[in-house]
Amino acid sequence: EKPAGDGGTINGGFFLLSPRVLDLIEGDDTTWEAEPME
């Protein structure tokens, strides 16, 4: 009954970040979970 998903680990939010990561964000159209995290 309701096993632990498919075994995959996902992004659960609750980040801790250096202000330097802001340099990886180009602008309003940037999705944090795409290019910056990649």
Full PDB file with SEQRES, HELIX, SHEET, SSBOND, CRYST1, ORIGX, SCALE, CONECT and MASTER records, all heavy atoms in Angstrom:
SEQRES   1 A   38  GLU LYS PRO ALA GLY ASP GLY GLY THR ILE ASN GLY GLY          
SEQRES   2 A   38  PHE PHE LEU LEU SER PRO ARG VAL LEU ASP LEU ILE GLU          
SEQRES   3 A   38  GLY ASP ASP THR THR TRP GLU ALA GLU PRO MET GLU              
HELIX    1 AA1 PRO A   19  LEU A   24  5                                   6    
CRYST1    1.000    1.000    1.000  90.00  90.00  90.00 P 1           1          
ORIGX1      1.000000  0.000000  0.000000        0.00000                         
ORIGX2      0.000000  1.000000  0.000000        0.00000                         
ORIGX3      0.000000  0.000000  1.000000        0.00000                         
SCALE1      1.000000  0.000000  0.000000        0.00000                         
SCALE2      0.000000  1.000000  0.000000        0.00000                         
SCALE3      0.000000  0.000000  1.000000        0.00000                         
ATOM      1  N   GLU A   1       0.833  -1.201   0.000  1.00  0.00           N  
ATOM      2  CA  GLU A   1       0.000   0.000   0.000  1.00  0.00           C  
ATOM      3  C   GLU A   1       0.865   1.248   0.000  1.00  0.00           C  
ATOM      4  O   GLU A   1       1.687   1.460   0.906  1.00  0.00           O  
ATOM      5  CB  GLU A   1      -0.920   0.010   1.228  1.00  0.00           C  
ATOM      6  CG  GLU A   1      -1.745   1.289   1.385  1.00  0.00           C  
ATOM      7  CD  GLU A   1      -2.762   1.511   0.264  1.00  0.00           C  
ATOM      8  OE1 GLU A   1      -2.973   0.576  -0.537  1.00  0.00           O  
ATOM      9  OE2 GLU A   1      -3.331   2.603   0.202  1.00  0.00           O  
ATOM     10  N   LYS A   2       0.740   2.063  -1.045  1.00  0.00           N  
ATOM     11  CA  LYS A   2       1.455   3.331  -1.185  1.00  0.00           C  
ATOM     12  C   LYS A   2       2.952   3.182  -0.912  1.00  0.00           C  
ATOM     13  O   LYS A   2       3.470   3.668   0.095  1.00  0.00           O  
ATOM     14  CB  LYS A   2       0.845   4.392  -0.262  1.00  0.00           C  
ATOM     15  CG  LYS A   2      -0.590   4.738  -0.631  1.00  0.00           C  
ATOM     16  CD  LYS A   2      -1.139   5.845   0.233  1.00  0.00           C  
ATOM     17  CE  LYS A   2      -2.571   6.171  -0.173  1.00  0.00           C  
ATOM     18  NZ  LYS A   2      -3.157   7.226   0.673  1.00  0.00           N  
ATOM     19  N   PRO A   3       3.668   2.474  -1.786  1.00  0.00           N  
ATOM     20  CA  PRO A   3       5.111   2.319  -1.606  1.00  0.00           C  
ATOM     21  C   PRO A   3       5.833   3.637  -1.822  1.00  0.00           C  
ATOM     22  O   PRO A   3       5.230   4.636  -2.217  1.00  0.00           O  
ATOM     23  CB  PRO A   3       5.484   1.308  -2.698  1.00  0.00           C  
ATOM     24  CG  PRO A   3       4.468   1.562  -3.776  1.00  0.00           C  
ATOM     25  CD  PRO A   3       3.185   1.906  -3.049  1.00  0.00           C  
ATOM     26  N   ALA A   4       7.124   3.636  -1.596  1.00  0.00           N  
ATOM     27  CA  ALA A   4       7.922   4.861  -1.721  1.00  0.00           C  
ATOM     28  C   ALA A   4       8.194   5.172  -3.184  1.00  0.00           C  
ATOM     29  O   ALA A   4       9.297   5.028  -3.693  1.00  0.00           O  
ATOM     30  CB  ALA A   4       9.230   4.712  -0.965  1.00  0.00           C  
ATOM     31  N   GLY A   5       7.166   5.617  -3.877  1.00  0.00           N  
ATOM     32  CA  GLY A   5       7.300   6.039  -5.262  1.00  0.00           C  
ATOM     33  C   GLY A   5       7.887   4.958  -6.148  1.00  0.00           C  
ATOM     34  O   GLY A   5       7.666   3.765  -5.951  1.00  0.00           O  
ATOM     35  N   ASP A   6       8.649   5.382  -7.163  1.00  0.00           N  
ATOM     36  CA  ASP A   6       9.266   4.430  -8.080  1.00  0.00           C  
ATOM     37  C   ASP A   6      10.743   4.246  -7.766  1.00  0.00           C  
ATOM     38  O   ASP A   6      11.498   3.712  -8.575  1.00  0.00           O  
ATOM     39  CB  ASP A   6       9.091   4.904  -9.536  1.00  0.00           C  
ATOM     40  CG  ASP A   6       9.739   6.270  -9.779  1.00  0.00           C  
ATOM     41  OD1 ASP A   6      10.331   6.815  -8.824  1.00  0.00           O  
ATOM     42  OD2 ASP A   6       9.653   6.767 -10.908  1.00  0.00           O  
ATOM     43  N   GLY A   7      11.151   4.683  -6.591  1.00  0.00           N  
ATOM     44  CA  GLY A   7      12.556   4.560  -6.211  1.00  0.00           C  
ATOM     45  C   GLY A   7      13.387   5.767  -6.585  1.00  0.00           C  
ATOM     46  O   GLY A   7      14.554   5.849  -6.235  1.00  0.00           O  
ATOM     47  N   GLY A   8      12.772   6.716  -7.332  1.00  0.00           N  
ATOM     48  CA  GLY A   8      13.503   7.884  -7.771  1.00  0.00           C  
ATOM     49  C   GLY A   8      13.595   8.949  -6.696  1.00  0.00           C  
ATOM     50  O   GLY A   8      12.717   9.086  -5.856  1.00  0.00           O  
ATOM     51  N   THR A   9      14.691   9.704  -6.720  1.00  0.00           N  
ATOM     52  CA  THR A   9      14.887  10.818  -5.801  1.00  0.00           C  
ATOM     53  C   THR A   9      14.619  12.108  -6.556  1.00  0.00           C  
ATOM     54  O   THR A   9      15.098  12.286  -7.673  1.00  0.00           O  
ATOM     55  CB  THR A   9      16.324  10.818  -5.251  1.00  0.00           C  
ATOM     56  OG1 THR A   9      16.565   9.581  -4.574  1.00  0.00           O  
ATOM     57  CG2 THR A   9      16.535  11.958  -4.273  1.00  0.00           C  
ATOM     58  N   ILE A  10      13.839  13.005  -5.961  1.00  0.00           N  
ATOM     59  CA  ILE A  10      13.459  14.225  -6.656  1.00  0.00           C  
ATOM     60  C   ILE A  10      13.819  15.461  -5.839  1.00  0.00           C  
ATOM     61  O   ILE A  10      14.174  15.377  -4.660  1.00  0.00           O  
ATOM     62  CB  ILE A  10      11.952  14.236  -6.971  1.00  0.00           C  
ATOM     63  CG1 ILE A  10      11.126  14.336  -5.673  1.00  0.00           C  
ATOM     64  CG2 ILE A  10      11.543  13.007  -7.770  1.00  0.00           C  
ATOM     65  CD1 ILE A  10       9.664  14.611  -5.903  1.00  0.00           C  
ATOM     66  N   ASN A  11      13.712  16.610  -6.487  1.00  0.00           N  
ATOM     67  CA  ASN A  11      13.938  17.897  -5.856  1.00  0.00           C  
ATOM     68  C   ASN A  11      12.793  18.190  -4.905  1.00  0.00           C  
ATOM     69  O   ASN A  11      11.650  18.343  -5.315  1.00  0.00           O  
ATOM     70  CB  ASN A  11      14.032  18.967  -6.961  1.00  0.00           C  
ATOM     71  CG  ASN A  11      13.900  20.386  -6.436  1.00  0.00           C  
ATOM     72  OD1 ASN A  11      14.094  20.653  -5.249  1.00  0.00           O  
ATOM     73  ND2 ASN A  11      13.566  21.304  -7.331  1.00  0.00           N  
ATOM     74  N   GLY A  12      13.106  18.292  -3.617  1.00  0.00           N  
ATOM     75  CA  GLY A  12      12.091  18.576  -2.617  1.00  0.00           C  
ATOM     76  C   GLY A  12      12.068  20.022  -2.168  1.00  0.00           C  
ATOM     77  O   GLY A  12      11.429  20.353  -1.173  1.00  0.00           O  
ATOM     78  N   GLY A  13      12.742  20.906  -2.930  1.00  0.00           N  
ATOM     79  CA  GLY A  13      12.815  22.302  -2.494  1.00  0.00           C  
ATOM     80  C   GLY A  13      13.750  22.434  -1.316  1.00  0.00           C  
ATOM     81  O   GLY A  13      14.674  21.642  -1.144  1.00  0.00           O  
ATOM     82  N   PHE A  14      13.564  23.433  -0.476  1.00  0.00           N  
ATOM     83  CA  PHE A  14      14.399  23.684   0.700  1.00  0.00           C  
ATOM     84  C   PHE A  14      15.884  23.659   0.307  1.00  0.00           C  
ATOM     85  O   PHE A  14      16.634  22.764   0.665  1.00  0.00           O  
ATOM     86  CB  PHE A  14      14.092  22.694   1.811  1.00  0.00           C  
ATOM     87  CG  PHE A  14      12.709  22.856   2.378  1.00  0.00           C  
ATOM     88  CD1 PHE A  14      11.662  22.060   1.936  1.00  0.00           C  
ATOM     89  CD2 PHE A  14      12.447  23.833   3.324  1.00  0.00           C  
ATOM     90  CE1 PHE A  14      10.381  22.220   2.433  1.00  0.00           C  
ATOM     91  CE2 PHE A  14      11.160  24.012   3.831  1.00  0.00           C  
ATOM     92  CZ  PHE A  14      10.125  23.196   3.377  1.00  0.00           C  
ATOM     93  N   PHE A  15      16.259  24.672  -0.464  1.00  0.00           N  
ATOM     94  CA  PHE A  15      17.640  24.849  -0.922  1.00  0.00           C  
ATOM     95  C   PHE A  15      18.425  25.694   0.078  1.00  0.00           C  
ATOM     96  O   PHE A  15      17.858  26.469   0.851  1.00  0.00           O  
ATOM     97  CB  PHE A  15      17.658  25.607  -2.255  1.00  0.00           C  
ATOM     98  CG  PHE A  15      17.025  24.898  -3.410  1.00  0.00           C  
ATOM     99  CD1 PHE A  15      15.663  24.989  -3.642  1.00  0.00           C  
ATOM    100  CD2 PHE A  15      17.793  24.152  -4.298  1.00  0.00           C  
ATOM    101  CE1 PHE A  15      15.068  24.360  -4.720  1.00  0.00           C  
ATOM    102  CE2 PHE A  15      17.215  23.516  -5.386  1.00  0.00           C  
ATOM    103  CZ  PHE A  15      15.849  23.618  -5.591  1.00  0.00           C  
ATOM    104  N   LEU A  16      19.733  25.576   0.009  1.00  0.00           N  
ATOM    105  CA  LEU A  16      20.629  26.530   0.643  1.00  0.00           C  
ATOM    106  C   LEU A  16      21.585  26.976  -0.445  1.00  0.00           C  
ATOM    107  O   LEU A  16      22.240  26.146  -1.088  1.00  0.00           O  
ATOM    108  CB  LEU A  16      21.373  25.904   1.824  1.00  0.00           C  
ATOM    109  CG  LEU A  16      21.520  26.849   3.030  1.00  0.00           C  
ATOM    110  CD1 LEU A  16      21.950  26.109   4.266  1.00  0.00           C  
ATOM    111  CD2 LEU A  16      22.485  27.985   2.727  1.00  0.00           C  
ATOM    112  N   LEU A  17      21.651  28.298  -0.686  1.00  0.00           N  
ATOM    113  CA  LEU A  17      22.332  28.813  -1.868  1.00  0.00           C  
ATOM    114  C   LEU A  17      23.315  29.921  -1.537  1.00  0.00           C  
ATOM    115  O   LEU A  17      23.089  30.728  -0.629  1.00  0.00           O  
ATOM    116  CB  LEU A  17      21.298  29.360  -2.867  1.00  0.00           C  
ATOM    117  CG  LEU A  17      20.180  28.415  -3.303  1.00  0.00           C  
ATOM    118  CD1 LEU A  17      19.164  29.165  -4.157  1.00  0.00           C  
ATOM    119  CD2 LEU A  17      20.738  27.222  -4.052  1.00  0.00           C  
ATOM    120  N   SER A  18      24.384  29.956  -2.312  1.00  0.00           N  
ATOM    121  CA  SER A  18      25.290  31.095  -2.297  1.00  0.00           C  
ATOM    122  C   SER A  18      24.726  32.178  -3.221  1.00  0.00           C  
ATOM    123  O   SER A  18      24.151  31.848  -4.270  1.00  0.00           O  
ATOM    124  CB  SER A  18      26.675  30.668  -2.802  1.00  0.00           C  
ATOM    125  OG  SER A  18      27.439  31.798  -3.179  1.00  0.00           O  
ATOM    126  N   PRO A  19      24.890  33.447  -2.881  1.00  0.00           N  
ATOM    127  CA  PRO A  19      24.439  34.501  -3.789  1.00  0.00           C  
ATOM    128  C   PRO A  19      25.076  34.406  -5.171  1.00  0.00           C  
ATOM    129  O   PRO A  19      24.533  34.946  -6.145  1.00  0.00           O  
ATOM    130  CB  PRO A  19      24.850  35.794  -3.074  1.00  0.00           C  
ATOM    131  CG  PRO A  19      24.987  35.422  -1.644  1.00  0.00           C  
ATOM    132  CD  PRO A  19      25.455  33.995  -1.639  1.00  0.00           C  
ATOM    133  N   ARG A  20      26.184  33.687  -5.290  1.00  0.00           N  
ATOM    134  CA  ARG A  20      26.868  33.554  -6.583  1.00  0.00           C  
ATOM    135  C   ARG A  20      26.042  32.778  -7.596  1.00  0.00           C  
ATOM    136  O   ARG A  20      26.278  32.887  -8.810  1.00  0.00           O  
ATOM    137  CB  ARG A  20      28.229  32.874  -6.370  1.00  0.00           C  
ATOM    138  CG  ARG A  20      29.235  33.761  -5.634  1.00  0.00           C  
ATOM    139  CD  ARG A  20      30.402  32.959  -5.081  1.00  0.00           C  
ATOM    140  NE  ARG A  20      31.101  32.217  -6.114  1.00  0.00           N  
ATOM    141  CZ  ARG A  20      32.006  31.265  -5.860  1.00  0.00           C  
ATOM    142  NH1 ARG A  20      32.295  30.955  -4.591  1.00  0.00           N  
ATOM    143  NH2 ARG A  20      32.598  30.653  -6.852  1.00  0.00           N  
ATOM    144  N   VAL A  21      25.043  32.022  -7.136  1.00  0.00           N  
ATOM    145  CA  VAL A  21      24.223  31.276  -8.104  1.00  0.00           C  
ATOM    146  C   VAL A  21      23.379  32.225  -8.950  1.00  0.00           C  
ATOM    147  O   VAL A  21      22.921  31.841 -10.037  1.00  0.00           O  
ATOM    148  CB  VAL A  21      23.304  30.248  -7.400  1.00  0.00           C  
ATOM    149  CG1 VAL A  21      24.115  29.289  -6.544  1.00  0.00           C  
ATOM    150  CG2 VAL A  21      22.208  30.924  -6.585  1.00  0.00           C  
ATOM    151  N   LEU A  22      23.163  33.454  -8.466  1.00  0.00           N  
ATOM    152  CA  LEU A  22      22.366  34.407  -9.239  1.00  0.00           C  
ATOM    153  C   LEU A  22      23.029  34.746 -10.568  1.00  0.00           C  
ATOM    154  O   LEU A  22      22.350  35.125 -11.530  1.00  0.00           O  
ATOM    155  CB  LEU A  22      22.136  35.675  -8.426  1.00  0.00           C  
ATOM    156  CG  LEU A  22      21.421  35.513  -7.075  1.00  0.00           C  
ATOM    157  CD1 LEU A  22      21.263  36.857  -6.391  1.00  0.00           C  
ATOM    158  CD2 LEU A  22      20.073  34.839  -7.248  1.00  0.00           C  
ATOM    159  N   ASP A  23      24.358  34.594 -10.638  1.00  0.00           N  
ATOM    160  CA  ASP A  23      25.077  34.861 -11.883  1.00  0.00           C  
ATOM    161  C   ASP A  23      24.732  33.843 -12.974  1.00  0.00           C  
ATOM    162  O   ASP A  23      24.992  34.082 -14.159  1.00  0.00           O  
ATOM    163  CB  ASP A  23      26.586  34.845 -11.643  1.00  0.00           C  
ATOM    164  CG  ASP A  23      27.038  35.960 -10.702  1.00  0.00           C  
ATOM    165  OD1 ASP A  23      26.327  36.987 -10.621  1.00  0.00           O  
ATOM    166  OD2 ASP A  23      28.084  35.792 -10.049  1.00  0.00           O  
ATOM    167  N   LEU A  24      24.171  32.705 -12.595  1.00  0.00           N  
ATOM    168  CA  LEU A  24      23.812  31.670 -13.555  1.00  0.00           C  
ATOM    169  C   LEU A  24      22.419  31.877 -14.146  1.00  0.00           C  
ATOM    170  O   LEU A  24      21.996  31.118 -15.022  1.00  0.00           O  
ATOM    171  CB  LEU A  24      23.859  30.289 -12.884  1.00  0.00           C  
ATOM    172  CG  LEU A  24      25.168  29.915 -12.180  1.00  0.00           C  
ATOM    173  CD1 LEU A  24      25.036  28.543 -11.528  1.00  0.00           C  
ATOM    174  CD2 LEU A  24      26.331  29.942 -13.160  1.00  0.00           C  
ATOM    175  N   ILE A  25      21.711  32.877 -13.648  1.00  0.00           N  
ATOM    176  CA  ILE A  25      20.342  33.139 -14.095  1.00  0.00           C  
ATOM    177  C   ILE A  25      20.355  34.305 -15.074  1.00  0.00           C  
ATOM    178  O   ILE A  25      20.749  35.419 -14.728  1.00  0.00           O  
ATOM    179  CB  ILE A  25      19.430  33.461 -12.897  1.00  0.00           C  
ATOM    180  CG1 ILE A  25      19.447  32.298 -11.889  1.00  0.00           C  
ATOM    181  CG2 ILE A  25      18.008  33.756 -13.354  1.00  0.00           C  
ATOM    182  CD1 ILE A  25      18.750  32.612 -10.569  1.00  0.00           C  
ATOM    183  N   GLU A  26      19.920  34.061 -16.310  1.00  0.00           N  
ATOM    184  CA  GLU A  26      19.981  35.098 -17.335  1.00  0.00           C  
ATOM    185  C   GLU A  26      18.929  36.182 -17.141  1.00  0.00           C  
ATOM    186  O   GLU A  26      19.214  37.364 -17.283  1.00  0.00           O  
ATOM    187  CB  GLU A  26      19.834  34.473 -18.726  1.00  0.00           C  
ATOM    188  CG  GLU A  26      21.031  33.633 -19.145  1.00  0.00           C  
ATOM    189  CD  GLU A  26      20.952  33.208 -20.587  1.00  0.00           C  
ATOM    190  OE1 GLU A  26      20.043  33.688 -21.300  1.00  0.00           O  
ATOM    191  OE2 GLU A  26      21.792  32.394 -21.012  1.00  0.00           O  
ATOM    192  N   GLY A  27      17.683  35.781 -16.858  1.00  0.00           N  
ATOM    193  CA  GLY A  27      16.639  36.788 -16.739  1.00  0.00           C  
ATOM    194  C   GLY A  27      15.307  36.180 -16.370  1.00  0.00           C  
ATOM    195  O   GLY A  27      15.227  35.052 -15.879  1.00  0.00           O  
ATOM    196  N   ASP A  28      14.235  36.922 -16.638  1.00  0.00           N  
ATOM    197  CA  ASP A  28      12.897  36.518 -16.213  1.00  0.00           C  
ATOM    198  C   ASP A  28      12.459  35.174 -16.782  1.00  0.00           C  
ATOM    199  O   ASP A  28      11.656  34.466 -16.160  1.00  0.00           O  
ATOM    200  CB  ASP A  28      11.871  37.580 -16.632  1.00  0.00           C  
ATOM    201  CG  ASP A  28      11.946  38.830 -15.762  1.00  0.00           C  
ATOM    202  OD1 ASP A  28      12.703  38.828 -14.777  1.00  0.00           O  
ATOM    203  OD2 ASP A  28      11.235  39.802 -16.081  1.00  0.00           O  
ATOM    204  N   ASP A  29      12.937  34.811 -17.962  1.00  0.00           N  
ATOM    205  CA  ASP A  29      12.491  33.579 -18.613  1.00  0.00           C  
ATOM    206  C   ASP A  29      13.271  32.341 -18.175  1.00  0.00           C  
ATOM    207  O   ASP A  29      13.026  31.242 -18.677  1.00  0.00           O  
ATOM    208  CB  ASP A  29      12.592  33.724 -20.139  1.00  0.00           C  
ATOM    209  CG  ASP A  29      11.626  34.770 -20.683  1.00  0.00           C  
ATOM    210  OD1 ASP A  29      10.573  34.979 -20.045  1.00  0.00           O  
ATOM    211  OD2 ASP A  29      11.927  35.373 -21.729  1.00  0.00           O  
ATOM    212  N   THR A  30      14.191  32.509 -17.251  1.00  0.00           N  
ATOM    213  CA  THR A  30      15.014  31.388 -16.801  1.00  0.00           C  
ATOM    214  C   THR A  30      14.303  30.588 -15.716  1.00  0.00           C  
ATOM    215  O   THR A  30      13.873  31.143 -14.710  1.00  0.00           O  
ATOM    216  CB  THR A  30      16.364  31.872 -16.261  1.00  0.00           C  
ATOM    217  OG1 THR A  30      17.045  32.618 -17.262  1.00  0.00           O  
ATOM    218  CG2 THR A  30      17.229  30.692 -15.834  1.00  0.00           C  
ATOM    219  N   THR A  31      14.184  29.294 -15.951  1.00  0.00           N  
ATOM    220  CA  THR A  31      13.625  28.387 -14.947  1.00  0.00           C  
ATOM    221  C   THR A  31      14.768  27.868 -14.081  1.00  0.00           C  
ATOM    222  O   THR A  31      15.723  27.282 -14.592  1.00  0.00           O  
ATOM    223  CB  THR A  31      12.895  27.214 -15.622  1.00  0.00           C  
ATOM    224  OG1 THR A  31      11.848  27.724 -16.450  1.00  0.00           O  
ATOM    225  CG2 THR A  31      12.310  26.255 -14.591  1.00  0.00           C  
ATOM    226  N   TRP A  32      14.677  28.087 -12.783  1.00  0.00           N  
ATOM    227  CA  TRP A  32      15.746  27.699 -11.867  1.00  0.00           C  
ATOM    228  C   TRP A  32      16.082  26.218 -11.989  1.00  0.00           C  
ATOM    229  O   TRP A  32      17.241  25.822 -11.953  1.00  0.00           O  
ATOM    230  CB  TRP A  32      15.346  28.037 -10.438  1.00  0.00           C  
ATOM    231  CG  TRP A  32      16.188  27.388  -9.382  1.00  0.00           C  
ATOM    232  CD1 TRP A  32      15.835  26.403  -8.525  1.00  0.00           C  
ATOM    233  CD2 TRP A  32      17.569  27.686  -9.092  1.00  0.00           C  
ATOM    234  NE1 TRP A  32      16.880  26.059  -7.708  1.00  0.00           N  
ATOM    235  CE2 TRP A  32      17.964  26.836  -8.039  1.00  0.00           C  
ATOM    236  CE3 TRP A  32      18.490  28.599  -9.623  1.00  0.00           C  
ATOM    237  CZ2 TRP A  32      19.237  26.866  -7.503  1.00  0.00           C  
ATOM    238  CZ3 TRP A  32      19.776  28.623  -9.086  1.00  0.00           C  
ATOM    239  CH2 TRP A  32      20.146  27.765  -8.050  1.00  0.00           C  
ATOM    240  N   GLU A  33      15.051  25.381 -12.177  1.00  0.00           N  
ATOM    241  CA  GLU A  33      15.231  23.932 -12.194  1.00  0.00           C  
ATOM    242  C   GLU A  33      15.820  23.431 -13.513  1.00  0.00           C  
ATOM    243  O   GLU A  33      16.088  22.238 -13.652  1.00  0.00           O  
ATOM    244  CB  GLU A  33      13.894  23.239 -11.931  1.00  0.00           C  
ATOM    245  CG  GLU A  33      13.257  23.587 -10.599  1.00  0.00           C  
ATOM    246  CD  GLU A  33      12.566  24.940 -10.586  1.00  0.00           C  
ATOM    247  OE1 GLU A  33      12.355  25.529 -11.682  1.00  0.00           O  
ATOM    248  OE2 GLU A  33      12.263  25.425  -9.480  1.00  0.00           O  
ATOM    249  N   ALA A  34      16.013  24.308 -14.485  1.00  0.00           N  
ATOM    250  CA  ALA A  34      16.587  23.913 -15.773  1.00  0.00           C  
ATOM    251  C   ALA A  34      18.071  24.274 -15.827  1.00  0.00           C  
ATOM    252  O   ALA A  34      18.880  23.700 -15.100  1.00  0.00           O  
ATOM    253  CB  ALA A  34      15.795  24.556 -16.916  1.00  0.00           C  
ATOM    254  N   GLU A  35      18.448  25.238 -16.642  1.00  0.00           N  
ATOM    255  CA  GLU A  35      19.857  25.525 -16.877  1.00  0.00           C  
ATOM    256  C   GLU A  35      20.672  25.837 -15.627  1.00  0.00           C  
ATOM    257  O   GLU A  35      21.767  25.284 -15.452  1.00  0.00           O  
ATOM    258  CB  GLU A  35      19.989  26.665 -17.895  1.00  0.00           C  
ATOM    259  CG  GLU A  35      21.424  27.125 -18.157  1.00  0.00           C  
ATOM    260  CD  GLU A  35      22.353  26.006 -18.642  1.00  0.00           C  
ATOM    261  OE1 GLU A  35      21.847  25.030 -19.253  1.00  0.00           O  
ATOM    262  OE2 GLU A  35      23.566  26.090 -18.405  1.00  0.00           O  
ATOM    263  N   PRO A  36      20.210  26.686 -14.692  1.00  0.00           N  
ATOM    264  CA  PRO A  36      21.049  26.958 -13.520  1.00  0.00           C  
ATOM    265  C   PRO A  36      21.376  25.706 -12.708  1.00  0.00           C  
ATOM    266  O   PRO A  36      22.544  25.463 -12.374  1.00  0.00           O  
ATOM    267  CB  PRO A  36      20.208  27.953 -12.711  1.00  0.00           C  
ATOM    268  CG  PRO A  36      19.366  28.636 -13.729  1.00  0.00           C  
ATOM    269  CD  PRO A  36      19.012  27.571 -14.718  1.00  0.00           C  
ATOM    270  N   MET A  37      20.362  24.884 -12.393  1.00  0.00           N  
ATOM    271  CA  MET A  37      20.632  23.675 -11.619  1.00  0.00           C  
ATOM    272  C   MET A  37      21.429  22.660 -12.425  1.00  0.00           C  
ATOM    273  O   MET A  37      22.312  21.978 -11.889  1.00  0.00           O  
ATOM    274  CB  MET A  37      19.318  23.059 -11.125  1.00  0.00           C  
ATOM    275  CG  MET A  37      18.707  23.792  -9.945  1.00  0.00           C  
ATOM    276  SD  MET A  37      17.321  22.900  -9.186  1.00  0.00           S  
ATOM    277  CE  MET A  37      18.172  21.468  -8.480  1.00  0.00           C  
ATOM    278  N   GLU A  38      21.138  22.565 -13.710  1.00  0.00           N  
ATOM    279  CA  GLU A  38      21.883  21.635 -14.564  1.00  0.00           C  
ATOM    280  C   GLU A  38      23.353  22.031 -14.636  1.00  0.00           C  
ATOM    281  O   GLU A  38      24.244  21.181 -14.599  1.00  0.00           O  
ATOM    282  CB  GLU A  38      21.260  21.604 -15.961  1.00  0.00           C  
ATOM    283  CG  GLU A  38      19.879  20.967 -16.000  1.00  0.00           C  
ATOM    284  CD  GLU A  38      19.166  21.180 -17.317  1.00  0.00           C  
ATOM    285  OE1 GLU A  38      19.776  21.796 -18.233  1.00  0.00           O  
ATOM    286  OE2 GLU A  38      18.008  20.762 -17.444  1.00  0.00           O  
TER     287      GLU A  38                                                      
MASTER        0    0    0    1    0    0    0    6  286    1    0    3          
END                                                                             
